[in-house]
Amino acid sequence: MKVMTFNLRTDFLLDINNRWNERKEVVYD
């Protein structure tokens, strides 16, 4: 169960990072 929650957390953080990267690109453009 810990591994599952850890994977979900990492996926969630990666998703947030991807969204922030997209926002940065839009802002800099």
Protein backbone atom coordinates (compact mmCIF):
# COMPACT_ATOMS: atom_id res chain seq x y z
CA MET A 1 0.00 0.00 0.00
CA LYS A 2 2.84 2.42 0.83
CA VAL A 3 4.35 1.85 -2.59
CA MET A 4 0.99 2.53 -4.25
CA THR A 5 0.49 5.80 -2.38
CA PHE A 6 4.08 6.78 -3.11
CA ASN A 7 3.56 6.18 -6.83
CA LEU A 8 0.35 8.21 -6.77
CA ARG A 9 2.13 11.06 -5.00
CA THR A 10 5.02 11.09 -7.47
CA ASP A 11 2.58 11.02 -10.40
CA PHE A 12 0.66 13.90 -8.82
CA LEU A 13 3.84 15.94 -8.31
CA LEU A 14 4.99 15.20 -11.85
CA ASP A 15 1.61 16.33 -13.17
CA ILE A 16 1.89 19.60 -11.24
CA ASN A 17 5.42 20.14 -12.56
CA ASN A 18 4.22 19.57 -16.12
CA ARG A 19 1.40 22.08 -15.66
CA TRP A 20 3.80 24.66 -14.20
CA ASN A 21 6.18 24.12 -17.12
CA GLU A 22 3.32 24.69 -19.55
CA ARG A 23 2.32 27.88 -17.72
CA LYS A 24 5.92 29.13 -17.75
CA GLU A 25 6.11 28.55 -21.50
CA VAL A 26 2.86 30.45 -22.06
CA VAL A 27 3.95 33.34 -19.84
CA TYR A 28 7.38 33.62 -21.49
CA ASP A 29 5.81 33.48 -24.93
